[in-house]
Amino acid sequence: MKKISIKSLSLTIIMLLISFCLPADAQIRYSETDTIDGITIMYRWQRSNIFKQDSRTILNLRLINTNDHPVNISFAVGFYKSAILVHESEDINKCFAPGQSKRGGPAGLRFQSEEITIEDIESDIFDWGFTYFDVEKTDECP
């Protein structure tokens, strides 16, 4: 019979407890929203602190270049309440090689606002989008 170490059993129990304790709105998968000029746009919401119910929300983007050439992408993200812009991100500029995917914080694709709560993103009056989104073909990415 194969022995199970206490360390691996403890880790398994901790992982199970965390997965059962996470709220239903803590999405793990990205939802696809659109494709613009060969760039597939996906998103997911998460809490800034998964252990605090009242923590602020963060929008994570995943962008995929489906073109057969490199592109420079420039955009800004806007958060809207009742169709009124309440927050706009700084200008984002990224270069993507053909087939390249970038996502979340490490890629600089994480957005939040102190004015936006979990209740806001779940309401009918909230929406997010791009205030602009430009895709330009380039010879290469630096």
Protein backbone atom coordinates (compact mmCIF):
# COMPACT_ATOMS: atom_id res chain seq x y z
CA MET A 1 0.00 0.00 0.00
CA LYS A 2 1.28 3.48 -0.92
CA LYS A 3 2.01 5.81 1.99
CA ILE A 4 0.63 9.33 1.94
CA SER A 5 2.78 11.93 3.63
CA ILE A 6 1.22 14.20 6.22
CA LYS A 7 2.55 17.20 4.30
CA SER A 8 0.77 16.25 1.06
CA LEU A 9 -2.42 15.33 2.94
CA SER A 10 -2.37 18.68 4.76
CA LEU A 11 -1.84 20.54 1.51
CA THR A 12 -4.74 18.69 -0.11
CA ILE A 13 -7.05 19.50 2.80
CA ILE A 14 -6.05 23.18 2.72
CA MET A 15 -6.68 23.39 -1.04
CA LEU A 16 -10.11 21.78 -0.64
CA LEU A 17 -11.04 24.15 2.19
CA ILE A 18 -9.99 27.18 0.16
CA SER A 19 -11.98 26.04 -2.88
CA PHE A 20 -15.12 25.54 -0.77
CA CYS A 21 -14.68 28.88 1.00
CA LEU A 22 -14.29 30.98 -2.14
CA PRO A 23 -17.41 32.92 -3.09
CA ALA A 24 -19.25 31.96 -6.24
CA ASP A 25 -18.37 35.26 -7.91
CA ALA A 26 -14.64 34.61 -7.67
CA GLN A 27 -14.31 33.55 -11.29
CA ILE A 28 -11.35 31.48 -12.27
CA ARG A 29 -11.99 31.34 -15.99
CA TYR A 30 -11.92 34.21 -18.42
CA SER A 31 -15.08 35.09 -20.35
CA GLU A 32 -14.67 36.03 -24.00
CA THR A 33 -16.20 39.37 -24.83
CA ASP A 34 -15.11 40.37 -28.34
CA THR A 35 -12.54 40.20 -31.12
CA ILE A 36 -11.27 43.47 -32.56
CA ASP A 37 -8.89 43.51 -35.55
CA GLY A 38 -7.62 40.01 -34.74
CA ILE A 39 -7.26 40.60 -30.98
CA THR A 40 -9.41 38.30 -28.86
CA ILE A 41 -10.49 40.06 -25.67
CA MET A 42 -11.32 38.08 -22.54
CA TYR A 43 -11.96 39.22 -18.98
CA ARG A 44 -12.63 38.10 -15.43
CA TRP A 45 -13.44 39.88 -12.19
CA GLN A 46 -11.82 39.10 -8.89
CA ARG A 47 -11.58 40.57 -5.43
CA SER A 48 -8.40 42.39 -4.48
CA ASN A 49 -8.38 40.16 -1.38
CA ILE A 50 -10.24 36.86 -1.79
CA PHE A 51 -10.56 36.48 1.97
CA LYS A 52 -12.35 39.82 2.50
CA GLN A 53 -15.96 40.08 1.35
CA ASP A 54 -15.82 43.89 1.13
CA SER A 55 -12.53 44.15 -0.78
CA ARG A 56 -12.44 46.09 -4.04
CA THR A 57 -12.90 44.41 -7.39
CA ILE A 58 -10.26 44.00 -10.05
CA LEU A 59 -10.83 43.54 -13.77
CA ASN A 60 -8.28 41.21 -15.33
CA LEU A 61 -7.95 41.19 -19.10
CA ARG A 62 -6.51 38.51 -21.34
CA LEU A 63 -5.62 39.59 -24.87
CA ILE A 64 -4.63 37.19 -27.64
CA ASN A 65 -3.17 38.19 -31.00
CA THR A 66 -4.75 35.86 -33.56
CA ASN A 67 -3.12 37.71 -36.45
CA ASP A 68 -0.21 36.23 -38.41
CA HIS A 69 1.82 39.41 -37.82
CA PRO A 70 2.91 41.42 -34.77
CA VAL A 71 0.71 44.29 -33.62
CA ASN A 72 0.88 47.29 -31.31
CA ILE A 73 -2.25 47.68 -29.21
CA SER A 74 -3.22 50.93 -27.50
CA PHE A 75 -6.29 51.29 -25.29
CA ALA A 76 -7.85 52.62 -22.11
CA VAL A 77 -10.46 50.86 -19.96
CA GLY A 78 -13.53 52.70 -18.72
CA PHE A 79 -15.94 51.82 -15.92
CA TYR A 80 -19.47 53.17 -16.35
CA LYS A 81 -22.45 53.65 -14.03
CA SER A 82 -25.73 54.45 -15.76
CA ALA A 83 -23.75 55.01 -18.98
CA ILE A 84 -21.63 57.71 -17.29
CA LEU A 85 -17.86 57.23 -17.25
CA VAL A 86 -16.81 57.09 -13.57
CA HIS A 87 -13.24 55.83 -14.05
CA GLU A 88 -10.79 55.64 -16.94
CA SER A 89 -7.47 53.79 -16.80
CA GLU A 90 -4.21 55.22 -17.95
CA ASP A 91 -3.28 54.65 -21.59
CA ILE A 92 -1.99 51.12 -22.16
CA ASN A 93 0.41 50.28 -25.01
CA LYS A 94 1.49 46.68 -25.66
CA CYS A 95 3.15 44.85 -28.50
CA PHE A 96 2.02 41.30 -29.32
CA ALA A 97 3.83 38.76 -31.48
CA PRO A 98 1.67 36.52 -33.70
CA GLY A 99 -0.31 34.10 -31.50
CA GLN A 100 0.92 35.73 -28.29
CA SER A 101 -1.36 35.92 -25.25
CA LYS A 102 -0.95 38.25 -22.26
CA ARG A 103 -3.10 38.40 -19.15
CA GLY A 104 -3.60 39.93 -15.74
CA GLY A 105 -1.22 41.71 -13.41
CA PRO A 106 2.14 40.46 -14.73
CA ALA A 107 1.25 41.88 -18.16
CA GLY A 108 -0.13 45.17 -16.83
CA LEU A 109 -3.67 44.15 -17.75
CA ARG A 110 -5.30 44.52 -14.32
CA PHE A 111 -7.66 47.44 -13.61
CA GLN A 112 -9.45 48.67 -10.53
CA SER A 113 -11.10 51.76 -9.12
CA GLU A 114 -11.76 52.72 -5.52
CA GLU A 115 -15.28 53.73 -6.58
CA ILE A 116 -16.26 50.28 -7.90
CA THR A 117 -17.55 47.57 -5.56
CA ILE A 118 -18.72 43.98 -6.01
CA GLU A 119 -22.29 45.26 -5.75
CA ASP A 120 -21.62 47.73 -8.58
CA ILE A 121 -20.36 45.13 -11.05
CA GLU A 122 -23.34 42.89 -10.27
CA SER A 123 -25.86 45.70 -10.83
CA ASP A 124 -27.69 46.46 -14.06
CA ILE A 125 -26.36 50.02 -14.14
CA PHE A 126 -22.68 49.03 -14.30
CA ASP A 127 -20.69 48.28 -17.43
CA TRP A 128 -17.08 48.36 -18.52
CA GLY A 129 -15.54 48.86 -21.92
CA PHE A 130 -12.74 50.51 -23.82
CA THR A 131 -12.75 54.26 -24.19
CA TYR A 132 -10.60 53.55 -27.24
CA PHE A 133 -8.93 50.41 -28.67
CA ASP A 134 -6.44 50.72 -31.53
CA VAL A 135 -4.58 47.88 -33.25
CA GLU A 136 -1.68 48.70 -35.57
CA LYS A 137 0.37 46.23 -37.61
CA THR A 138 4.11 46.44 -36.92
CA ASP A 139 7.26 44.78 -38.23
CA GLU A 140 8.37 43.38 -34.88
CA CYS A 141 7.96 43.69 -31.13
CA PRO A 142 10.92 44.98 -29.14
